[in-house]
PDB file of N, CA and C in Angstrom:
ATOM      1  N   MET A   1    -109.811   6.896-114.216  1.00  0.00           N
ATOM      2  CA  MET A   1    -109.261   6.295-113.028  1.00  0.00           C
ATOM      3  C   MET A   1    -109.896   5.107-112.853  1.00  0.00           C
ATOM      4  N   SER A   2    -108.825   4.163-112.662  1.00  0.00           N
ATOM      5  CA  SER A   2    -109.097   2.607-112.658  1.00  0.00           C
ATOM      6  C   SER A   2    -109.845   2.471-111.283  1.00  0.00           C
ATOM      7  N   LEU A   3    -110.549   1.493-111.178  1.00  0.00           N
ATOM      8  CA  LEU A   3    -111.127   0.995-109.983  1.00  0.00           C
ATOM      9  C   LEU A   3    -110.414   0.918-108.617  1.00  0.00           C
ATOM     10  N   ALA A   4    -109.226   0.161-108.930  1.00  0.00           N
ATOM     11  CA  ALA A   4    -108.124   0.146-107.910  1.00  0.00           C
ATOM     12  C   ALA A   4    -107.775   1.300-107.665  1.00  0.00           C
ATOM     13  N   ARG A   5    -107.299   2.246-108.261  1.00  0.00           N
ATOM     14  CA  ARG A   5    -107.027   3.832-107.658  1.00  0.00           C
ATOM     15  C   ARG A   5    -108.229   4.337-106.952  1.00  0.00           C
ATOM     16  N   LYS A   6    -109.306   4.179-107.259  1.00  0.00           N
ATOM     17  CA  LYS A   6    -110.581   4.709-106.576  1.00  0.00           C
ATOM     18  C   LYS A   6    -110.622   4.090-105.140  1.00  0.00           C
ATOM     19  N   VAL A   7    -110.351   2.988-105.109  1.00  0.00           N
ATOM     20  CA  VAL A   7    -110.605   2.127-103.713  1.00  0.00           C
ATOM     21  C   VAL A   7    -109.535   2.544-102.838  1.00  0.00           C
ATOM     22  N   PHE A   8    -108.090   2.773-103.319  1.00  0.00           N
ATOM     23  CA  PHE A   8    -107.110   3.358-102.644  1.00  0.00           C
ATOM     24  C   PHE A   8    -107.415   4.515-102.000  1.00  0.00           C
ATOM     25  N   PHE A   9    -108.051   5.517-102.958  1.00  0.00           N
ATOM     26  CA  PHE A   9    -108.099   6.867-102.394  1.00  0.00           C
ATOM     27  C   PHE A   9    -109.301   6.884-101.453  1.00  0.00           C
ATOM     28  N   GLY A  10    -110.151   6.086-101.702  1.00  0.00           N
ATOM     29  CA  GLY A  10    -111.237   6.010-100.764  1.00  0.00           C
ATOM     30  C   GLY A  10    -110.767   5.748 -99.221  1.00  0.00           C
ATOM     31  N   VAL A  11    -110.068   4.559 -99.374  1.00  0.00           N
ATOM     32  CA  VAL A  11    -109.648   4.024 -97.826  1.00  0.00           C
ATOM     33  C   VAL A  11    -108.624   4.756 -97.299  1.00  0.00           C
ATOM     34  N   PHE A  12    -107.881   5.522 -98.141  1.00  0.00           N
ATOM     35  CA  PHE A  12    -106.812   6.197 -97.716  1.00  0.00           C
ATOM     36  C   PHE A  12    -107.297   7.654 -97.113  1.00  0.00           C
ATOM     37  N   LEU A  13    -108.287   8.068 -97.637  1.00  0.00           N
ATOM     38  CA  LEU A  13    -109.103   9.296 -97.356  1.00  0.00           C
ATOM     39  C   LEU A  13    -110.092   9.096 -96.131  1.00  0.00           C
ATOM     40  N   LEU A  14    -110.574   8.081 -96.098  1.00  0.00           N
ATOM     41  CA  LEU A  14    -111.277   7.460 -94.757  1.00  0.00           C
ATOM     42  C   LEU A  14    -110.411   7.547 -93.482  1.00  0.00           C
ATOM     43  N   GLY A  15    -109.364   6.898 -93.605  1.00  0.00           N
ATOM     44  CA  GLY A  15    -108.310   6.580 -92.521  1.00  0.00           C
ATOM     45  C   GLY A  15    -107.693   8.196 -92.155  1.00  0.00           C
ATOM     46  N   THR A  16    -107.508   8.956 -93.080  1.00  0.00           N
ATOM     47  CA  THR A  16    -106.929  10.391 -92.888  1.00  0.00           C
ATOM     48  C   THR A  16    -108.029  11.133 -92.082  1.00  0.00           C
ATOM     49  N   ALA A  17    -109.399  11.092 -92.612  1.00  0.00           N
ATOM     50  CA  ALA A  17    -110.555  11.856 -92.283  1.00  0.00           C
ATOM     51  C   ALA A  17    -110.634  11.545 -90.770  1.00  0.00           C
ATOM     52  N   ILE A  18    -110.493  10.235 -90.568  1.00  0.00           N
ATOM     53  CA  ILE A  18    -110.681   9.879 -88.895  1.00  0.00           C
ATOM     54  C   ILE A  18    -109.647  10.486 -87.959  1.00  0.00           C
ATOM     55  N   GLY A  19    -108.432  10.337 -88.729  1.00  0.00           N
ATOM     56  CA  GLY A  19    -107.182  11.039 -87.593  1.00  0.00           C
ATOM     57  C   GLY A  19    -107.640  12.591 -87.745  1.00  0.00           C
ATOM     58  N   LEU A  20    -108.161  13.031 -88.821  1.00  0.00           N
ATOM     59  CA  LEU A  20    -108.339  14.603 -88.845  1.00  0.00           C
ATOM     60  C   LEU A  20    -109.251  14.981 -87.875  1.00  0.00           C
ATOM     61  N   ILE A  21    -110.345  14.262 -87.799  1.00  0.00           N
ATOM     62  CA  ILE A  21    -111.412  14.448 -86.760  1.00  0.00           C
ATOM     63  C   ILE A  21    -110.982  14.295 -85.285  1.00  0.00           C
ATOM     64  N   ILE A  22    -110.105  13.102 -85.149  1.00  0.00           N
ATOM     65  CA  ILE A  22    -109.518  13.126 -83.734  1.00  0.00           C
ATOM     66  C   ILE A  22    -108.649  14.248 -83.492  1.00  0.00           C
ATOM     67  N   GLY A  23    -108.054  14.672 -84.437  1.00  0.00           N
ATOM     68  CA  GLY A  23    -107.116  15.844 -84.206  1.00  0.00           C
ATOM     69  C   GLY A  23    -107.810  16.907 -83.757  1.00  0.00           C
ATOM     70  N   ILE A  24    -109.012  17.455 -84.598  1.00  0.00           N
ATOM     71  CA  ILE A  24    -109.734  18.806 -84.317  1.00  0.00           C
ATOM     72  C   ILE A  24    -110.350  18.382 -83.010  1.00  0.00           C
ATOM     73  N   ILE A  25    -110.833  17.400 -82.747  1.00  0.00           N
ATOM     74  CA  ILE A  25    -111.427  17.216 -81.187  1.00  0.00           C
ATOM     75  C   ILE A  25    -110.264  17.568 -80.103  1.00  0.00           C
ATOM     76  N   GLU A  26    -109.102  17.132 -80.241  1.00  0.00           N
ATOM     77  CA  GLU A  26    -108.100  17.221 -79.473  1.00  0.00           C
ATOM     78  C   GLU A  26    -107.706  18.663 -79.291  1.00  0.00           C
ATOM     79  N   LEU A  27    -107.893  19.450 -80.654  1.00  0.00           N
ATOM     80  CA  LEU A  27    -107.513  20.820 -80.324  1.00  0.00           C
ATOM     81  C   LEU A  27    -108.608  21.811 -79.708  1.00  0.00           C
ATOM     82  N   VAL A  28    -109.757  21.236 -79.785  1.00  0.00           N
ATOM     83  CA  VAL A  28    -111.037  22.054 -79.426  1.00  0.00           C
ATOM     84  C   VAL A  28    -111.132  21.720 -78.145  1.00  0.00           C
ATOM     85  N   ALA A  29    -111.408  20.491 -77.775  1.00  0.00           N
ATOM     86  CA  ALA A  29    -111.638  20.074 -76.446  1.00  0.00           C
ATOM     87  C   ALA A  29    -110.876  19.061 -76.039  1.00  0.00           C
ATOM     88  N   PRO A  30    -109.749  19.317 -75.645  1.00  0.00           N
ATOM     89  CA  PRO A  30    -108.575  18.417 -75.116  1.00  0.00           C
ATOM     90  C   PRO A  30    -109.112  17.069 -74.039  1.00  0.00           C
ATOM     91  N   GLU A  31    -109.910  17.624 -73.201  1.00  0.00           N
ATOM     92  CA  GLU A  31    -110.477  16.557 -72.244  1.00  0.00           C
ATOM     93  C   GLU A  31    -111.481  15.470 -72.757  1.00  0.00           C
ATOM     94  N   VAL A  32    -111.645  15.790 -74.021  1.00  0.00           N
ATOM     95  CA  VAL A  32    -112.690  14.767 -74.238  1.00  0.00           C
ATOM     96  C   VAL A  32    -112.122  13.653 -75.125  1.00  0.00           C
ATOM     97  N   SER A  33    -110.766  13.873 -75.657  1.00  0.00           N
ATOM     98  CA  SER A  33    -110.147  12.685 -76.437  1.00  0.00           C
ATOM     99  C   SER A  33    -108.772  12.718 -75.766  1.00  0.00           C
ATOM    100  N   THR A  34    -108.091  11.612 -75.845  1.00  0.00           N
ATOM    101  CA  THR A  34    -106.826  11.248 -75.339  1.00  0.00           C
ATOM    102  C   THR A  34    -105.836  10.934 -76.589  1.00  0.00           C
ATOM    103  N   VAL A  35    -104.599  11.911 -76.861  1.00  0.00           N
ATOM    104  CA  VAL A  35    -103.859  11.171 -77.884  1.00  0.00           C
ATOM    105  C   VAL A  35    -102.548  10.983 -76.861  1.00  0.00           C
ATOM    106  N   THR A  36    -101.969   9.774 -77.323  1.00  0.00           N
ATOM    107  CA  THR A  36    -100.939   9.320 -76.438  1.00  0.00           C
ATOM    108  C   THR A  36     -99.463   9.308 -77.432  1.00  0.00           C
ATOM    109  N   LEU A  37     -98.518   9.732 -77.306  1.00  0.00           N
ATOM    110  CA  LEU A  37     -97.276   9.530 -77.953  1.00  0.00           C
ATOM    111  C   LEU A  37     -96.158   9.300 -76.858  1.00  0.00           C
ATOM    112  N   ASN A  38     -95.539   8.016 -77.090  1.00  0.00           N
ATOM    113  CA  ASN A  38     -94.375   7.509 -76.165  1.00  0.00           C
ATOM    114  C   ASN A  38     -95.014   7.584 -74.927  1.00  0.00           C
ATOM    115  N   ASP A  39     -96.319   7.020 -74.465  1.00  0.00           N
ATOM    116  CA  ASP A  39     -96.759   6.985 -73.218  1.00  0.00           C
ATOM    117  C   ASP A  39     -97.096   8.157 -72.504  1.00  0.00           C
ATOM    118  N   GLN A  40     -97.048   9.232 -73.053  1.00  0.00           N
ATOM    119  CA  GLN A  40     -97.532  10.427 -72.376  1.00  0.00           C
ATOM    120  C   GLN A  40     -98.618  11.277 -73.185  1.00  0.00           C
ATOM    121  N   ASP A  41     -99.299  11.842 -72.661  1.00  0.00           N
ATOM    122  CA  ASP A  41    -100.401  12.346 -73.410  1.00  0.00           C
ATOM    123  C   ASP A  41     -99.935  13.602 -73.926  1.00  0.00           C
ATOM    124  N   VAL A  42    -100.380  14.041 -75.152  1.00  0.00           N
ATOM    125  CA  VAL A  42     -99.989  15.288 -75.917  1.00  0.00           C
ATOM    126  C   VAL A  42    -101.197  15.996 -76.181  1.00  0.00           C
ATOM    127  N   THR A  43    -101.196  17.394 -75.949  1.00  0.00           N
ATOM    128  CA  THR A  43    -102.134  18.231 -76.454  1.00  0.00           C
ATOM    129  C   THR A  43    -101.738  19.325 -77.600  1.00  0.00           C
ATOM    130  N   GLY A  44    -102.459  20.089 -77.991  1.00  0.00           N
ATOM    131  CA  GLY A  44    -102.144  21.314 -78.945  1.00  0.00           C
ATOM    132  C   GLY A  44    -101.682  20.687 -80.383  1.00  0.00           C
ATOM    133  N   MET A  45    -100.917  21.509 -81.015  1.00  0.00           N
ATOM    134  CA  MET A  45    -100.591  20.893 -82.374  1.00  0.00           C
ATOM    135  C   MET A  45     -99.783  19.549 -82.619  1.00  0.00           C
ATOM    136  N   THR A  46     -99.069  19.097 -81.558  1.00  0.00           N
ATOM    137  CA  THR A  46     -98.463  17.795 -81.457  1.00  0.00           C
ATOM    138  C   THR A  46     -99.544  16.810 -81.410  1.00  0.00           C
ATOM    139  N   GLY A  47    -100.576  16.917 -80.620  1.00  0.00           N
ATOM    140  CA  GLY A  47    -101.648  15.794 -80.573  1.00  0.00           C
ATOM    141  C   GLY A  47    -102.388  15.959 -81.928  1.00  0.00           C
ATOM    142  N   PHE A  48    -102.417  17.014 -82.468  1.00  0.00           N
ATOM    143  CA  PHE A  48    -103.170  17.256 -83.897  1.00  0.00           C
ATOM    144  C   PHE A  48    -102.490  16.391 -84.678  1.00  0.00           C
ATOM    145  N   TRP A  49    -101.152  16.570 -84.972  1.00  0.00           N
ATOM    146  CA  TRP A  49    -100.445  15.922 -85.976  1.00  0.00           C
ATOM    147  C   TRP A  49    -100.399  14.412 -85.444  1.00  0.00           C
ATOM    148  N   THR A  50     -99.978  14.197 -84.416  1.00  0.00           N
ATOM    149  CA  THR A  50    -100.162  12.494 -84.036  1.00  0.00           C
ATOM    150  C   THR A  50    -101.274  12.078 -84.301  1.00  0.00           C
ATOM    151  N   ALA A  51    -102.533  12.578 -84.208  1.00  0.00           N
ATOM    152  CA  ALA A  51    -103.630  11.841 -84.698  1.00  0.00           C
ATOM    153  C   ALA A  51    -103.736  11.753 -85.967  1.00  0.00           C
ATOM    154  N   LEU A  52    -103.443  12.824 -86.843  1.00  0.00           N
ATOM    155  CA  LEU A  52    -103.463  12.849 -88.263  1.00  0.00           C
ATOM    156  C   LEU A  52    -102.873  11.803 -88.767  1.00  0.00           C
ATOM    157  N   VAL A  53    -101.620  11.721 -88.226  1.00  0.00           N
ATOM    158  CA  VAL A  53    -100.546  10.544 -88.927  1.00  0.00           C
ATOM    159  C   VAL A  53    -100.953   9.126 -88.390  1.00  0.00           C
ATOM    160  N   SER A  54    -101.597   9.120 -87.223  1.00  0.00           N
ATOM    161  CA  SER A  54    -101.979   7.859 -86.815  1.00  0.00           C
ATOM    162  C   SER A  54    -103.086   7.386 -87.579  1.00  0.00           C
ATOM    163  N   GLY A  55    -103.773   8.204 -88.286  1.00  0.00           N
ATOM    164  CA  GLY A  55    -104.850   7.738 -89.166  1.00  0.00           C
ATOM    165  C   GLY A  55    -104.352   7.387 -90.548  1.00  0.00           C
ATOM    166  N   ALA A  56    -103.632   8.422 -90.931  1.00  0.00           N
ATOM    167  CA  ALA A  56    -102.981   8.332 -92.415  1.00  0.00           C
ATOM    168  C   ALA A  56    -102.105   7.272 -92.702  1.00  0.00           C
ATOM    169  N   ILE A  57    -101.267   6.745 -91.766  1.00  0.00           N
ATOM    170  CA  ILE A  57    -100.462   5.389 -92.036  1.00  0.00           C
ATOM    171  C   ILE A  57    -101.390   4.308 -92.188  1.00  0.00           C
ATOM    172  N   PRO A  58    -102.150   3.940 -90.948  1.00  0.00           N
ATOM    173  CA  PRO A  58    -102.906   2.816 -91.375  1.00  0.00           C
ATOM    174  C   PRO A  58    -103.977   2.736 -92.824  1.00  0.00           C
ATOM    175  N   GLY A  59    -104.306   4.066 -92.960  1.00  0.00           N
ATOM    176  CA  GLY A  59    -105.056   4.137 -94.267  1.00  0.00           C
ATOM    177  C   GLY A  59    -104.243   4.021 -95.255  1.00  0.00           C
ATOM    178  N   LEU A  60    -103.154   4.221 -95.356  1.00  0.00           N
ATOM    179  CA  LEU A  60    -102.252   3.922 -96.445  1.00  0.00           C
ATOM    180  C   LEU A  60    -102.059   2.642 -96.737  1.00  0.00           C
ATOM    181  N   ILE A  61    -101.545   1.769 -95.604  1.00  0.00           N
ATOM    182  CA  ILE A  61    -101.348   0.633 -95.570  1.00  0.00           C
ATOM    183  C   ILE A  61    -102.648  -0.319 -96.077  1.00  0.00           C
ATOM    184  N   ILE A  62    -103.807  -0.062 -95.282  1.00  0.00           N
ATOM    185  CA  ILE A  62    -104.983  -0.806 -95.744  1.00  0.00           C
ATOM    186  C   ILE A  62    -105.456  -0.458 -97.154  1.00  0.00           C
ATOM    187  N   GLY A  63    -105.220   0.990 -97.601  1.00  0.00           N
ATOM    188  CA  GLY A  63    -105.718   1.288 -98.867  1.00  0.00           C
ATOM    189  C   GLY A  63    -104.751   0.537-100.079  1.00  0.00           C
ATOM    190  N   LEU A  64    -103.395   0.538 -99.692  1.00  0.00           N
ATOM    191  CA  LEU A  64    -102.501  -0.427-100.427  1.00  0.00           C
ATOM    192  C   LEU A  64    -103.046  -1.822-100.875  1.00  0.00           C
ATOM    193  N   ILE A  65    -103.317  -2.595 -99.717  1.00  0.00           N
ATOM    194  CA  ILE A  65    -103.829  -3.935 -99.817  1.00  0.00           C
ATOM    195  C   ILE A  65    -104.963  -3.857-100.429  1.00  0.00           C
ATOM    196  N   ALA A  66    -106.215  -3.048-100.287  1.00  0.00           N
ATOM    197  CA  ALA A  66    -107.462  -3.209-100.925  1.00  0.00           C
ATOM    198  C   ALA A  66    -107.164  -2.682-102.320  1.00  0.00           C
ATOM    199  N   ALA A  67    -106.351  -2.053-102.834  1.00  0.00           N
ATOM    200  CA  ALA A  67    -106.088  -1.586-104.142  1.00  0.00           C
ATOM    201  C   ALA A  67    -105.545  -2.783-104.798  1.00  0.00           C
ATOM    202  N   GLY A  68    -104.592  -3.629-103.944  1.00  0.00           N
ATOM    203  CA  GLY A  68    -104.263  -4.983-104.783  1.00  0.00           C
ATOM    204  C   GLY A  68    -104.932  -5.931-104.960  1.00  0.00           C
ATOM    205  N   ILE A  69    -105.891  -6.061-103.944  1.00  0.00           N
ATOM    206  CA  ILE A  69    -106.864  -6.966-104.246  1.00  0.00           C
ATOM    207  C   ILE A  69    -107.934  -6.686-105.099  1.00  0.00           C
ATOM    208  N   THR A  70    -108.314  -5.371-105.117  1.00  0.00           N
ATOM    209  CA  THR A  70    -109.068  -4.881-106.106  1.00  0.00           C
ATOM    210  C   THR A  70    -108.693  -5.170-107.645  1.00  0.00           C
ATOM    211  N   LYS A  71    -107.251  -4.829-107.799  1.00  0.00           N
ATOM    212  CA  LYS A  71    -106.749  -5.008-109.017  1.00  0.00           C
ATOM    213  C   LYS A  71    -106.757  -6.575-109.617  1.00  0.00           C
ATOM    214  N   LEU A  72    -106.104  -7.288-108.445  1.00  0.00           N
ATOM    215  CA  LEU A  72    -106.358  -8.695-108.726  1.00  0.00           C
ATOM    216  C   LEU A  72    -107.599  -9.439-109.370  1.00  0.00           C
ATOM    217  N   VAL A  73    -108.853  -8.746-108.581  1.00  0.00           N
ATOM    218  CA  VAL A  73    -110.071  -9.326-108.849  1.00  0.00           C
ATOM    219  C   VAL A  73    -110.782  -8.677-110.170  1.00  0.00           C
ATOM    220  N   THR A  74    -110.233  -7.581-110.562  1.00  0.00           N
ATOM    221  CA  THR A  74    -110.809  -7.274-111.789  1.00  0.00           C
ATOM    222  C   THR A  74    -109.952  -7.185-112.983  1.00  0.00           C
ATOM    223  N   ARG A  75    -109.150  -7.799-113.025  1.00  0.00           N
ATOM    224  CA  ARG A  75    -108.124  -7.798-114.174  1.00  0.00           C
ATOM    225  C   ARG A  75    -108.403  -8.499-115.157  1.00  0.00           C
ATOM    226  N   LYS A  76    -108.087  -8.354-116.355  1.00  0.00           N
ATOM    227  CA  LYS A  76    -108.819  -8.879-117.563  1.00  0.00           C
ATOM    228  C   LYS A  76    -107.712 -10.018-117.768  1.00  0.00           C
ATOM    229  N   LYS A  77    -108.362 -11.053-118.221  1.00  0.00           N
ATOM    230  CA  LYS A  77    -107.492 -12.424-118.657  1.00  0.00           C
ATOM    231  C   LYS A  77    -107.171 -12.188-120.040  1.00  0.00           C
ATOM    232  N   ALA A  78    -105.851 -12.557-120.259  1.00  0.00           N
ATOM    233  CA  ALA A  78    -105.276 -12.524-121.628  1.00  0.00           C
ATOM    234  C   ALA A  78    -106.009 -13.284-122.567  1.00  0.00           C
ATOM    235  N   ALA A  79    -106.401 -12.938-123.676  1.00  0.00           N
ATOM    236  CA  ALA A  79    -106.984 -13.973-124.758  1.00  0.00           C
ATOM    237  C   ALA A  79    -105.880 -15.007-125.146  1.00  0.00           C
ATOM    238  N   ALA A  80    -106.714 -16.291-125.144  1.00  0.00           N
ATOM    239  CA  ALA A  80    -105.911 -17.281-125.323  1.00  0.00           C
ATOM    240  C   ALA A  80    -105.206 -17.198-126.997  1.00  0.00           C
ATOM    241  N   GLU A  81    -103.963 -17.637-127.268  1.00  0.00           N
ATOM    242  CA  GLU A  81    -103.484 -17.233-128.697  1.00  0.00           C
ATOM    243  C   GLU A  81    -103.921 -18.781-129.344  1.00  0.00           C
ATOM    244  N   PRO A  82    -104.552 -18.469-130.494  1.00  0.00           N
ATOM    245  CA  PRO A  82    -104.961 -19.656-131.595  1.00  0.00           C
ATOM    246  C   PRO A  82    -103.611 -20.571-131.836  1.00  0.00           C
ATOM    247  N   THR A  83    -104.066 -21.874-131.648  1.00  0.00           N
ATOM    248  CA  THR A  83    -103.248 -22.933-132.137  1.00  0.00           C
ATOM    249  C   THR A  83    -103.202 -23.184-133.594  1.00  0.00           C
ATOM    250  N   ALA A  84    -102.184 -23.301-134.414  1.00  0.00           N
ATOM    251  CA  ALA A  84    -102.362 -23.562-135.838  1.00  0.00           C
ATOM    252  C   ALA A  84    -102.322 -25.117-136.011  1.00  0.00           C
TER     253      ALA A  84
END
């Protein structure tokens, strides 16, 4: 697995984990956290899925950007062709 792929999965899983934690908190103790969808507070499974997706989408976008930067930084330069 390339370094860029590892960076992507790491950032994506971090974003998803943050959303998952917020979603679980919303299920267990709804008064502790607030999940808002269309300017209305949501609870239960709707709040859980909203929090999970709200963490996964930015994780996906930032993960792709970080993987692209990593790929550019770690790429190997092509060997120069000898001139005759």
